[in-house]
């Protein structure tokens, strides 16, 4: 039985440098110190790494740019801490490479046309997609571009070839199990959009946890991952289910809206209603009370997406990656 060939990651680990540095050395690019170049060359020799010939021949034809396309057209998106942290992660890996980053908001036909023009003119070597919805035409535009496409999160249709995602379902289940362990029984949820994989997965995690505990799963209101959407959905939950004693809210932004409504209605948190969010963005530490939430590694989502695309451009075939989540206990539950 023959062993598998070494990967770019293993060369980087052996050399003590980043994947981007290894890629630059292999493709004979600039901006590499002599010490790093020698370390990479030694690691290549020791491991017997053989660069992908097709990938190297394509390297000379590359534009040297990749696209991060987000399925949104809201300029306020850049004030959204979730996307800010993803972009921080993307940029951290981009700094290790010679690649340039093109950022496109592409929920509208105009935005998708811009991406189409870039890809048709060979203006980018790869694409990263974020915030896709069910049957999102942005995915079709990217896949038609004849370049590698890495997804941030999965789609509700067939799983993409390359993606990085968080364990949304498992994280949601852990959040609700924690509320059950606190003795809460009238547990509701404010979901995210159910035309997004993350929204559906977090809703399914809620349903699994309450079902396993023999509790009802009908206390549900649908939101849109925004603070206003969370406030509106929480008000509806309280109107329809005044016995509510806990709520799992599928994003921290929505949870901030939920806390505001609970305060307006005279419900103490966590005394009357315990609240758990999802994401652990900076906002979660500064709500009143501080938000118990499920932390997903948002910066790592961006960095691992980018690292995966760099590996694909180097001729490798990385496997999809699911990032773990963890419960962060603060004052709201």
Protein backbone atom coordinates (compact mmCIF):
# COMPACT_ATOMS: atom_id res chain seq x y z
CA UNK A 1 0.00 0.00 0.00
CA UNK A 2 1.53 3.32 -1.05
CA UNK A 3 1.50 6.27 1.34
CA UNK A 4 -0.17 9.49 0.29
CA UNK A 5 2.02 12.35 -0.95
CA UNK A 6 2.88 15.13 1.54
CA UNK A 7 0.75 18.26 1.50
CA UNK A 8 1.54 21.97 1.43
CA UNK A 9 0.48 22.20 5.09
CA UNK A 10 2.98 19.51 6.09
CA UNK A 11 5.78 21.30 4.23
CA UNK A 12 4.85 24.53 6.04
CA UNK A 13 4.82 22.76 9.41
CA UNK A 14 8.21 21.15 8.80
CA UNK A 15 9.73 24.44 7.61
CA UNK A 16 8.15 26.48 10.41
CA UNK A 17 6.55 28.97 8.00
CA UNK A 18 3.08 29.77 6.65
CA UNK A 19 1.39 27.97 3.75
CA UNK A 20 1.57 31.24 1.80
CA UNK A 21 5.36 31.35 2.19
CA UNK A 22 5.66 27.76 0.95
CA UNK A 23 3.50 28.63 -2.06
CA UNK A 24 5.68 31.66 -2.88
CA UNK A 25 8.88 29.61 -2.70
CA UNK A 26 7.48 26.80 -4.86
CA UNK A 27 6.26 29.30 -7.46
CA UNK A 28 9.53 31.26 -7.27
CA UNK A 29 7.80 34.45 -6.12
CA UNK A 30 9.39 37.46 -4.45
CA UNK A 31 9.12 38.69 -0.86
CA UNK A 32 10.61 35.61 0.80
CA UNK A 33 13.66 35.85 3.08
CA UNK A 34 16.67 33.69 2.30
CA UNK A 35 16.24 31.91 5.63
CA UNK A 36 12.60 31.05 4.91
CA UNK A 37 13.41 29.96 1.35
CA UNK A 38 16.11 27.60 2.59
CA UNK A 39 13.80 26.18 5.27
CA UNK A 40 11.10 25.47 2.68
CA UNK A 41 13.54 23.92 0.21
CA UNK A 42 14.91 21.67 2.97
CA UNK A 43 11.40 20.62 4.01
CA UNK A 44 10.45 19.89 0.39
CA UNK A 45 13.52 17.67 0.03
CA UNK A 46 13.03 15.88 3.36
CA UNK A 47 9.35 15.14 2.76
CA UNK A 48 9.67 14.41 -0.95
CA UNK A 49 7.03 17.00 -1.81
CA UNK A 50 6.33 17.20 -5.55
CA UNK A 51 4.44 20.35 -6.66
CA UNK A 52 1.39 19.82 -8.84
CA UNK A 53 2.63 20.35 -12.39
CA UNK A 54 -0.70 21.57 -13.71
CA UNK A 55 -1.03 24.05 -10.86
CA UNK A 56 2.48 25.40 -11.46
CA UNK A 57 1.87 25.86 -15.17
CA UNK A 58 -1.30 27.77 -14.34
CA UNK A 59 0.53 29.93 -11.80
CA UNK A 60 2.29 31.89 -14.51
CA UNK A 61 -1.10 32.76 -16.06
CA UNK A 62 -2.68 33.96 -12.83
CA UNK A 63 -3.99 37.41 -12.10
CA UNK A 64 -2.80 37.24 -8.49
CA UNK A 65 -6.20 38.15 -7.01
CA UNK A 66 -9.11 36.36 -5.33
CA UNK A 67 -12.67 37.51 -4.69
CA UNK A 68 -14.65 37.46 -1.46
CA UNK A 69 -18.26 37.70 -2.64
CA UNK A 70 -20.95 38.25 -0.01
CA UNK A 71 -24.62 37.67 -0.81
CA UNK A 72 -25.73 41.06 0.50
CA UNK A 73 -26.17 44.55 -0.85
CA UNK A 74 -26.50 46.34 2.47
CA UNK A 75 -23.67 48.88 2.99
CA UNK A 76 -24.31 48.56 6.75
CA UNK A 77 -22.93 45.04 6.46
CA UNK A 78 -19.46 46.41 7.16
CA UNK A 79 -20.68 47.55 10.58
CA UNK A 80 -21.84 43.98 11.29
CA UNK A 81 -19.28 42.50 13.69
CA UNK A 82 -19.70 38.98 12.31
CA UNK A 83 -18.59 40.00 8.82
CA UNK A 84 -15.90 42.28 10.23
CA UNK A 85 -14.36 39.31 12.05
CA UNK A 86 -14.58 37.06 8.98
CA UNK A 87 -12.77 39.70 6.90
CA UNK A 88 -10.13 40.02 9.64
CA UNK A 89 -9.45 36.29 9.29
CA UNK A 90 -9.35 36.48 5.50
CA UNK A 91 -6.93 39.39 5.58
CA UNK A 92 -4.60 37.65 8.06
CA UNK A 93 -3.93 34.85 5.58
CA UNK A 94 -3.90 37.16 2.54
CA UNK A 95 -1.01 39.04 4.20
CA UNK A 96 1.05 35.83 3.96
CA UNK A 97 0.56 35.60 0.19
CA UNK A 98 1.11 37.69 -2.93
CA UNK A 99 -2.62 37.64 -3.65
CA UNK A 100 -4.85 40.71 -3.72
CA UNK A 101 -8.37 40.65 -2.28
CA UNK A 102 -11.41 41.93 -4.20
CA UNK A 103 -14.53 42.38 -2.05
CA UNK A 104 -17.92 42.31 -3.76
CA UNK A 105 -21.44 42.70 -2.37
CA UNK A 106 -23.34 40.55 -4.82
CA UNK A 107 -26.94 39.90 -3.82
CA UNK A 108 -28.24 42.12 -6.63
CA UNK A 109 -28.09 41.45 -10.37
CA UNK A 110 -25.68 44.37 -10.68
CA UNK A 111 -23.32 42.85 -8.12
CA UNK A 112 -23.47 39.44 -9.77
CA UNK A 113 -22.79 41.01 -13.18
CA UNK A 114 -19.68 42.63 -11.73
CA UNK A 115 -18.45 39.24 -10.52
CA UNK A 116 -19.23 37.71 -13.90
CA UNK A 117 -17.15 40.37 -15.68
CA UNK A 118 -14.22 39.80 -13.33
CA UNK A 119 -14.27 36.06 -13.87
CA UNK A 120 -14.81 36.24 -17.64
CA UNK A 121 -11.85 38.62 -17.97
CA UNK A 122 -9.65 36.29 -15.88
CA UNK A 123 -9.45 39.05 -13.28
CA UNK A 124 -9.39 36.62 -10.36
CA UNK A 125 -7.94 33.18 -9.67
CA UNK A 126 -10.50 32.01 -7.14
CA UNK A 127 -13.64 32.96 -5.23
CA UNK A 128 -14.78 32.73 -1.61
CA UNK A 129 -18.55 32.91 -1.03
CA UNK A 130 -20.32 34.00 2.13
CA UNK A 131 -23.93 34.33 3.39
CA UNK A 132 -25.54 32.32 0.59
CA UNK A 133 -29.27 31.67 0.65
CA UNK A 134 -31.30 28.80 -0.80
CA UNK A 135 -30.97 28.61 -4.61
CA UNK A 136 -28.74 31.68 -4.47
CA UNK A 137 -27.87 32.80 -8.04
CA UNK A 138 -24.51 34.05 -6.73
CA UNK A 139 -23.35 30.45 -6.31
CA UNK A 140 -24.21 29.67 -9.93
CA UNK A 141 -22.29 32.74 -11.15
CA UNK A 142 -19.21 31.74 -9.18
CA UNK A 143 -19.33 28.09 -10.21
CA UNK A 144 -19.62 29.11 -13.88
CA UNK A 145 -16.41 31.10 -13.62
CA UNK A 146 -14.10 28.11 -14.13
CA UNK A 147 -12.04 28.98 -11.03
CA UNK A 148 -11.89 27.31 -7.60
CA UNK A 149 -14.73 28.30 -5.27
CA UNK A 150 -14.57 27.93 -1.48
CA UNK A 151 -17.76 28.42 0.53
CA UNK A 152 -18.03 29.96 3.98
CA UNK A 153 -20.84 27.81 5.30
CA UNK A 154 -22.79 25.15 3.48
CA UNK A 155 -25.72 25.55 1.14
CA UNK A 156 -29.14 23.99 1.56
CA UNK A 157 -28.68 22.21 -1.75
CA UNK A 158 -25.87 19.74 -2.40
CA UNK A 159 -22.74 20.26 -0.27
CA UNK A 160 -20.10 22.25 -2.18
CA UNK A 161 -16.76 20.69 -3.05
CA UNK A 162 -14.80 22.98 -0.73
CA UNK A 163 -16.26 24.67 2.33
CA UNK A 164 -15.53 25.78 5.89
CA UNK A 165 -18.39 25.90 8.36
CA UNK A 166 -19.08 25.93 12.10
CA UNK A 167 -20.95 23.21 13.95
CA UNK A 168 -24.18 25.22 13.97
CA UNK A 169 -26.45 22.31 14.83
CA UNK A 170 -24.27 20.98 17.63
CA UNK A 171 -23.76 24.46 19.07
CA UNK A 172 -27.49 25.17 19.14
CA UNK A 173 -28.16 21.82 20.77
CA UNK A 174 -25.57 22.59 23.48
CA UNK A 175 -27.19 25.99 24.13
CA UNK A 176 -30.63 24.47 24.68
CA UNK A 177 -29.28 21.57 26.74
CA UNK A 178 -27.70 24.16 29.02
CA UNK A 179 -31.05 25.93 29.46
CA UNK A 180 -32.71 22.58 30.23
CA UNK A 181 -30.01 21.81 32.81
CA UNK A 182 -30.85 25.16 34.46
CA UNK A 183 -34.38 23.82 35.02
CA UNK A 184 -36.07 25.81 32.24
CA UNK A 185 -38.99 24.05 30.60
CA UNK A 186 -40.91 26.64 28.54
CA UNK A 187 -38.07 27.21 26.10
CA UNK A 188 -38.51 29.12 22.87
CA UNK A 189 -36.25 30.10 19.99
CA UNK A 190 -35.76 33.03 17.68
CA UNK A 191 -34.46 31.45 14.48
CA UNK A 192 -32.28 32.88 11.78
CA UNK A 193 -33.45 32.95 8.14
CA UNK A 194 -34.63 29.49 7.17
CA UNK A 195 -33.35 29.90 3.61
CA UNK A 196 -29.79 29.83 5.02
CA UNK A 197 -27.99 26.67 6.15
CA UNK A 198 -26.89 28.27 9.44
CA UNK A 199 -30.46 29.32 10.23
CA UNK A 200 -31.88 25.86 9.51
CA UNK A 201 -29.09 24.03 11.37
CA UNK A 202 -29.48 26.12 14.54
CA UNK A 203 -33.25 25.59 14.45
CA UNK A 204 -32.77 21.83 14.08
CA UNK A 205 -30.33 21.84 17.02
CA UNK A 206 -33.01 23.55 19.16
CA UNK A 207 -35.65 21.01 18.13
CA UNK A 208 -33.37 18.04 18.81
CA UNK A 209 -32.52 19.22 22.32
CA UNK A 210 -36.10 19.91 23.41
CA UNK A 211 -37.34 16.66 21.85
CA UNK A 212 -34.73 14.59 23.69
CA UNK A 213 -35.84 16.24 26.94
CA UNK A 214 -39.51 15.54 26.19
CA UNK A 215 -40.35 19.25 25.95
CA UNK A 216 -42.54 21.12 23.47
CA UNK A 217 -40.88 22.74 20.45
CA UNK A 218 -43.70 25.06 19.35
CA UNK A 219 -42.39 28.29 20.91
CA UNK A 220 -40.80 29.58 17.72
CA UNK A 221 -40.50 33.00 16.07
CA UNK A 222 -38.48 33.65 12.94
CA UNK A 223 -35.86 36.39 12.64
CA UNK A 224 -33.29 37.59 10.14
CA UNK A 225 -30.00 37.73 12.14
CA UNK A 226 -30.47 41.50 12.77
CA UNK A 227 -31.04 43.26 16.10
CA UNK A 228 -34.38 44.66 14.92
CA UNK A 229 -35.43 41.23 13.66
CA UNK A 230 -34.56 39.72 17.04
CA UNK A 231 -36.57 42.36 18.89
CA UNK A 232 -39.63 41.89 16.68
CA UNK A 233 -39.51 38.09 16.95
CA UNK A 234 -39.07 38.18 20.73
CA UNK A 235 -42.07 40.48 21.14
CA UNK A 236 -44.10 38.00 19.09
CA UNK A 237 -42.87 35.09 21.24
CA UNK A 238 -43.89 36.86 24.45
CA UNK A 239 -47.31 37.74 23.02
CA UNK A 240 -47.99 34.18 21.90
CA UNK A 241 -46.27 32.36 24.79
CA UNK A 242 -46.44 34.43 27.99
CA UNK A 243 -45.17 31.39 29.96
CA UNK A 244 -41.76 31.65 28.23
CA UNK A 245 -38.92 31.10 30.72
CA UNK A 246 -35.96 30.78 28.34
CA UNK A 247 -35.06 31.60 24.75
CA UNK A 248 -32.30 30.44 22.46
CA UNK A 249 -31.63 33.24 19.98
CA UNK A 250 -29.79 32.18 16.82
CA UNK A 251 -27.41 35.18 16.70
CA UNK A 252 -25.95 37.65 19.19
CA UNK A 253 -27.27 40.61 17.20
CA UNK A 254 -30.81 39.24 17.52
CA UNK A 255 -30.18 38.43 21.19
CA UNK A 256 -29.33 42.09 21.81
CA UNK A 257 -32.76 42.96 20.40
CA UNK A 258 -34.36 40.25 22.53
CA UNK A 259 -32.80 41.65 25.72
CA UNK A 260 -34.14 45.11 24.88
CA UNK A 261 -37.70 43.82 24.48
CA UNK A 262 -37.54 41.72 27.64
CA UNK A 263 -36.42 44.79 29.57
CA UNK A 264 -39.27 46.84 28.08
CA UNK A 265 -41.78 44.14 29.06
CA UNK A 266 -40.52 44.06 32.66
CA UNK A 267 -39.08 40.55 32.39
CA UNK A 268 -35.88 40.08 34.37
CA UNK A 269 -32.98 38.24 32.75
CA UNK A 270 -32.14 35.56 33.71
CA UNK A 271 -34.67 35.49 36.59
CA UNK A 272 -37.85 35.42 34.49
CA UNK A 273 -36.37 34.54 31.10
CA UNK A 274 -32.89 33.12 30.47
CA UNK A 275 -31.30 34.10 27.13
CA UNK A 276 -28.56 32.35 25.13
CA UNK A 277 -27.22 33.71 21.83
CA UNK A 278 -24.92 32.42 19.12
CA UNK A 279 -21.60 33.71 17.66
CA UNK A 280 -19.87 35.48 20.60
CA UNK A 281 -19.22 38.73 18.79
CA UNK A 282 -17.88 41.66 20.81
CA UNK A 283 -21.44 42.89 21.47
CA UNK A 284 -22.12 39.82 23.62
CA UNK A 285 -19.74 41.04 26.34
CA UNK A 286 -21.37 44.47 26.57
CA UNK A 287 -25.11 43.75 26.59
CA UNK A 288 -27.07 44.27 29.83
CA UNK A 289 -26.76 41.65 31.23
CA UNK A 290 -23.69 40.20 29.50
CA UNK A 291 -24.80 37.51 27.05
CA UNK A 292 -24.34 33.80 27.53
CA UNK A 293 -23.73 32.53 24.02
CA UNK A 294 -22.28 29.88 21.74
CA UNK A 295 -18.88 30.91 20.46
CA UNK A 296 -18.04 30.03 16.91
CA UNK A 297 -14.50 30.84 15.74
CA UNK A 298 -15.49 33.60 13.32
CA UNK A 299 -11.98 34.88 12.59
CA UNK A 300 -10.90 31.28 11.98
CA UNK A 301 -13.81 30.85 9.55
CA UNK A 302 -12.29 33.60 7.41
CA UNK A 303 -8.70 32.45 7.76
CA UNK A 304 -9.48 28.78 7.07
CA UNK A 305 -11.56 29.67 3.99
CA UNK A 306 -8.61 31.62 2.63
CA UNK A 307 -6.09 28.96 3.58
CA UNK A 308 -8.23 26.36 1.81
CA UNK A 309 -8.35 28.46 -1.36
CA UNK A 310 -4.56 28.94 -1.28
CA UNK A 311 -4.15 25.17 -1.03
CA UNK A 312 -6.51 24.57 -3.97
CA UNK A 313 -4.57 27.10 -6.06
CA UNK A 314 -1.41 25.15 -5.20
CA UNK A 315 -2.95 22.04 -6.74
CA UNK A 316 -4.10 20.29 -3.58
CA UNK A 317 -7.51 18.77 -2.84
CA UNK A 318 -8.36 19.82 0.74
CA UNK A 319 -11.33 18.28 2.53
CA UNK A 320 -14.23 20.34 3.92
CA UNK A 321 -13.70 21.66 7.44
CA UNK A 322 -16.21 21.94 10.32
CA UNK A 323 -15.04 24.25 13.10
CA UNK A 324 -16.04 23.45 16.71
CA UNK A 325 -18.24 25.71 18.85
CA UNK A 326 -18.27 26.19 22.62
CA UNK A 327 -20.64 27.49 25.27
CA UNK A 328 -19.55 30.78 26.91
CA UNK A 329 -21.41 31.37 30.17
CA UNK A 330 -22.01 34.96 31.25
CA UNK A 331 -24.91 36.62 33.08
CA UNK A 332 -27.98 36.21 30.84
CA UNK A 333 -28.32 32.46 31.55
